[in-house]
């Protein structure tokens, strides 16, 4: 029984190839998750910049008004 033909997929390298395929899929998933986190980070950063600019513009418009005038001169 030692010299018989092996069925396809029963070699010692098949397990290594299967694990490599799983690792490849896992690394693709990690790359996708990292790219997704980077895109979300950029969106949050842009939103914070827009918020800060809006607050500065409002502060300049509302916060630095002239002192009220007295009409009873």
N, C-alpha and C. Protein backbone atom coordinates (compact mmCIF):
# COMPACT_ATOMS: atom_id res chain seq x y z
N UNK A 1 0.79 -1.18 0.00
CA UNK A 1 0.00 0.00 0.00
C UNK A 1 0.84 1.26 0.00
N UNK A 2 2.12 1.16 0.05
CA UNK A 2 2.94 2.36 0.08
C UNK A 2 3.22 2.90 -1.30
N UNK A 3 3.10 2.12 -2.33
CA UNK A 3 3.43 2.60 -3.65
C UNK A 3 2.23 2.94 -4.50
N UNK A 4 1.06 3.01 -3.90
CA UNK A 4 -0.15 3.27 -4.67
C UNK A 4 -0.29 4.73 -5.06
N UNK A 5 -1.20 4.96 -5.96
CA UNK A 5 -1.45 6.33 -6.41
C UNK A 5 -2.25 7.08 -5.35
N UNK A 6 -1.86 8.34 -5.13
CA UNK A 6 -2.57 9.16 -4.15
C UNK A 6 -3.70 9.90 -4.84
N UNK A 7 -4.79 10.11 -4.14
CA UNK A 7 -5.86 10.92 -4.73
C UNK A 7 -5.43 12.38 -4.81
N UNK A 8 -6.03 13.10 -5.70
CA UNK A 8 -5.70 14.51 -5.88
C UNK A 8 -6.02 15.27 -4.60
N UNK A 9 -5.12 16.13 -4.19
CA UNK A 9 -5.34 16.95 -3.00
C UNK A 9 -4.90 16.28 -1.72
N UNK A 10 -4.14 15.20 -1.81
CA UNK A 10 -3.72 14.51 -0.59
C UNK A 10 -2.24 14.65 -0.35
N UNK A 11 -1.56 15.52 -1.03
CA UNK A 11 -0.12 15.69 -0.88
C UNK A 11 0.22 16.54 0.33
N UNK A 12 1.47 16.48 0.81
CA UNK A 12 1.85 17.26 1.98
C UNK A 12 1.86 18.76 1.70
N UNK A 13 2.04 19.17 0.47
CA UNK A 13 2.08 20.61 0.15
C UNK A 13 0.68 21.19 0.02
N UNK A 14 -0.33 20.35 -0.08
CA UNK A 14 -1.69 20.87 -0.26
C UNK A 14 -2.17 21.64 0.96
N UNK A 15 -1.82 21.17 2.15
CA UNK A 15 -2.19 21.89 3.36
C UNK A 15 -1.52 23.25 3.44
N UNK A 16 -0.28 23.32 2.99
CA UNK A 16 0.45 24.59 2.98
C UNK A 16 -0.19 25.55 2.00
N UNK A 17 -0.56 25.05 0.83
CA UNK A 17 -1.20 25.91 -0.16
C UNK A 17 -2.55 26.40 0.34
N UNK A 18 -3.30 25.52 1.00
CA UNK A 18 -4.59 25.94 1.52
C UNK A 18 -4.41 27.00 2.60
N UNK A 19 -3.43 26.83 3.49
CA UNK A 19 -3.19 27.85 4.51
C UNK A 19 -2.72 29.15 3.87
N UNK A 20 -1.94 29.07 2.81
CA UNK A 20 -1.51 30.28 2.12
C UNK A 20 -2.68 31.02 1.51
N UNK A 21 -3.64 30.27 0.98
CA UNK A 21 -4.83 30.91 0.42
C UNK A 21 -5.62 31.61 1.51
N UNK A 22 -5.72 30.99 2.67
CA UNK A 22 -6.44 31.61 3.78
C UNK A 22 -5.69 32.84 4.24
N UNK A 23 -4.38 32.77 4.34
CA UNK A 23 -3.59 33.93 4.73
C UNK A 23 -3.72 35.05 3.71
N UNK A 24 -3.78 34.69 2.44
CA UNK A 24 -3.94 35.69 1.40
C UNK A 24 -5.28 36.40 1.54
N UNK A 25 -6.33 35.62 1.80
CA UNK A 25 -7.64 36.22 1.99
C UNK A 25 -7.64 37.08 3.26
N UNK A 26 -6.97 36.62 4.30
CA UNK A 26 -6.90 37.38 5.53
C UNK A 26 -6.15 38.68 5.36
N UNK A 27 -5.05 38.65 4.62
CA UNK A 27 -4.30 39.88 4.41
C UNK A 27 -5.07 40.84 3.50
N UNK A 28 -5.85 40.30 2.57
CA UNK A 28 -6.72 41.16 1.76
C UNK A 28 -7.76 41.84 2.64
N UNK A 29 -8.30 41.08 3.59
CA UNK A 29 -9.29 41.64 4.50
C UNK A 29 -8.66 42.73 5.37
N UNK A 30 -7.46 42.48 5.87
CA UNK A 30 -6.78 43.48 6.70
C UNK A 30 -6.48 44.73 5.87
N UNK A 31 -6.04 44.55 4.65
CA UNK A 31 -5.77 45.71 3.79
C UNK A 31 -7.05 46.50 3.54
N UNK A 32 -8.15 45.80 3.33
CA UNK A 32 -9.43 46.47 3.11
C UNK A 32 -9.85 47.24 4.36
N UNK A 33 -9.69 46.63 5.52
CA UNK A 33 -10.08 47.30 6.76
C UNK A 33 -9.19 48.52 7.05
N UNK A 34 -7.91 48.42 6.75
CA UNK A 34 -7.00 49.56 6.95
C UNK A 34 -7.37 50.69 6.00
N UNK A 35 -7.66 50.37 4.75
CA UNK A 35 -8.06 51.40 3.79
C UNK A 35 -9.38 52.04 4.22
N UNK A 36 -10.31 51.24 4.71
CA UNK A 36 -11.59 51.76 5.17
C UNK A 36 -11.40 52.71 6.35
N UNK A 37 -10.56 52.32 7.29
CA UNK A 37 -10.29 53.17 8.45
C UNK A 37 -9.60 54.47 8.03
N UNK A 38 -8.70 54.39 7.06
CA UNK A 38 -8.01 55.59 6.58
C UNK A 38 -8.99 56.55 5.91
N UNK A 39 -9.90 56.01 5.10
CA UNK A 39 -10.89 56.86 4.43
C UNK A 39 -11.80 57.52 5.46
N UNK A 40 -12.24 56.76 6.45
CA UNK A 40 -13.10 57.33 7.49
C UNK A 40 -12.34 58.39 8.30
N UNK A 41 -11.07 58.16 8.54
CA UNK A 41 -10.26 59.14 9.25
C UNK A 41 -10.14 60.44 8.48
N UNK A 42 -9.96 60.34 7.19
CA UNK A 42 -9.87 61.54 6.34
C UNK A 42 -11.20 62.28 6.35
N UNK A 43 -12.31 61.55 6.29
CA UNK A 43 -13.63 62.19 6.33
C UNK A 43 -13.82 62.94 7.64
N UNK A 44 -13.46 62.33 8.76
CA UNK A 44 -13.60 62.98 10.06
C UNK A 44 -12.69 64.20 10.14
N UNK A 45 -11.47 64.10 9.62
CA UNK A 45 -10.55 65.22 9.64
C UNK A 45 -11.09 66.40 8.84
N UNK A 46 -11.61 66.14 7.66
CA UNK A 46 -12.18 67.20 6.83
C UNK A 46 -13.38 67.82 7.53
N UNK A 47 -14.21 66.99 8.16
CA UNK A 47 -15.38 67.52 8.87
C UNK A 47 -14.95 68.42 10.03
N UNK A 48 -13.90 68.03 10.75
CA UNK A 48 -13.40 68.87 11.84
C UNK A 48 -12.84 70.19 11.33
N UNK A 49 -12.17 70.16 10.20
CA UNK A 49 -11.63 71.40 9.62
C UNK A 49 -12.77 72.33 9.21
N UNK A 50 -13.80 71.77 8.58
CA UNK A 50 -14.96 72.58 8.17
C UNK A 50 -15.66 73.15 9.40
N UNK A 51 -15.80 72.34 10.44
CA UNK A 51 -16.42 72.81 11.67
C UNK A 51 -15.61 73.95 12.30
N UNK A 52 -14.30 73.79 12.34
CA UNK A 52 -13.44 74.83 12.91
C UNK A 52 -13.53 76.12 12.10
N UNK A 53 -13.53 76.01 10.78
CA UNK A 53 -13.66 77.22 9.95
C UNK A 53 -15.00 77.91 10.17
N UNK A 54 -16.04 77.11 10.26
CA UNK A 54 -17.36 77.69 10.52
C UNK A 54 -17.42 78.40 11.87
N UNK A 55 -16.81 77.79 12.88
CA UNK A 55 -16.81 78.42 14.20
C UNK A 55 -16.00 79.72 14.19
N UNK A 56 -14.89 79.73 13.48
CA UNK A 56 -14.07 80.95 13.40
C UNK A 56 -14.84 82.05 12.68
N UNK A 57 -15.51 81.70 11.59
CA UNK A 57 -16.28 82.71 10.86
C UNK A 57 -17.42 83.26 11.71
N UNK A 58 -18.11 82.38 12.42
CA UNK A 58 -19.18 82.85 13.30
C UNK A 58 -18.63 83.72 14.43
N UNK A 59 -17.50 83.33 14.98
CA UNK A 59 -16.90 84.11 16.07
C UNK A 59 -16.54 85.51 15.58
N UNK A 60 -15.98 85.58 14.38
CA UNK A 60 -15.61 86.89 13.84
C UNK A 60 -16.84 87.74 13.55
N UNK A 61 -17.89 87.11 13.05
CA UNK A 61 -19.07 87.87 12.67
C UNK A 61 -19.88 88.28 13.90
N UNK A 62 -20.07 87.40 14.84
CA UNK A 62 -20.93 87.67 15.99
C UNK A 62 -20.14 88.18 17.18
N UNK A 63 -18.99 87.62 17.41
CA UNK A 63 -18.25 87.92 18.63
C UNK A 63 -17.55 89.25 18.64
N UNK A 64 -17.23 89.81 17.51
CA UNK A 64 -16.48 91.07 17.47
C UNK A 64 -17.34 92.22 16.94
N UNK A 65 -18.50 92.32 17.45
CA UNK A 65 -19.38 93.42 17.02
C UNK A 65 -18.94 94.71 17.70
N UNK A 66 -19.34 95.82 17.14
CA UNK A 66 -19.03 97.12 17.74
C UNK A 66 -19.81 97.25 19.04
N UNK A 67 -19.26 98.04 19.97
CA UNK A 67 -20.03 98.25 21.22
C UNK A 67 -21.32 99.00 20.90
N UNK A 68 -22.35 98.78 21.69
CA UNK A 68 -23.62 99.46 21.41
C UNK A 68 -23.48 100.97 21.57
N UNK A 69 -24.14 101.70 20.68
CA UNK A 69 -24.10 103.16 20.74
C UNK A 69 -25.18 103.70 21.66
N UNK A 70 -24.83 104.77 22.29
CA UNK A 70 -25.81 105.44 23.13
C UNK A 70 -26.45 106.57 22.32
N UNK A 71 -27.75 106.59 22.25
CA UNK A 71 -28.45 107.61 21.47
C UNK A 71 -28.75 108.87 22.25
N UNK A 72 -28.49 108.89 23.53
CA UNK A 72 -28.82 110.06 24.36
C UNK A 72 -27.62 111.00 24.53
N UNK A 73 -26.93 111.33 23.50
CA UNK A 73 -25.79 112.22 23.58
C UNK A 73 -26.17 113.62 23.84
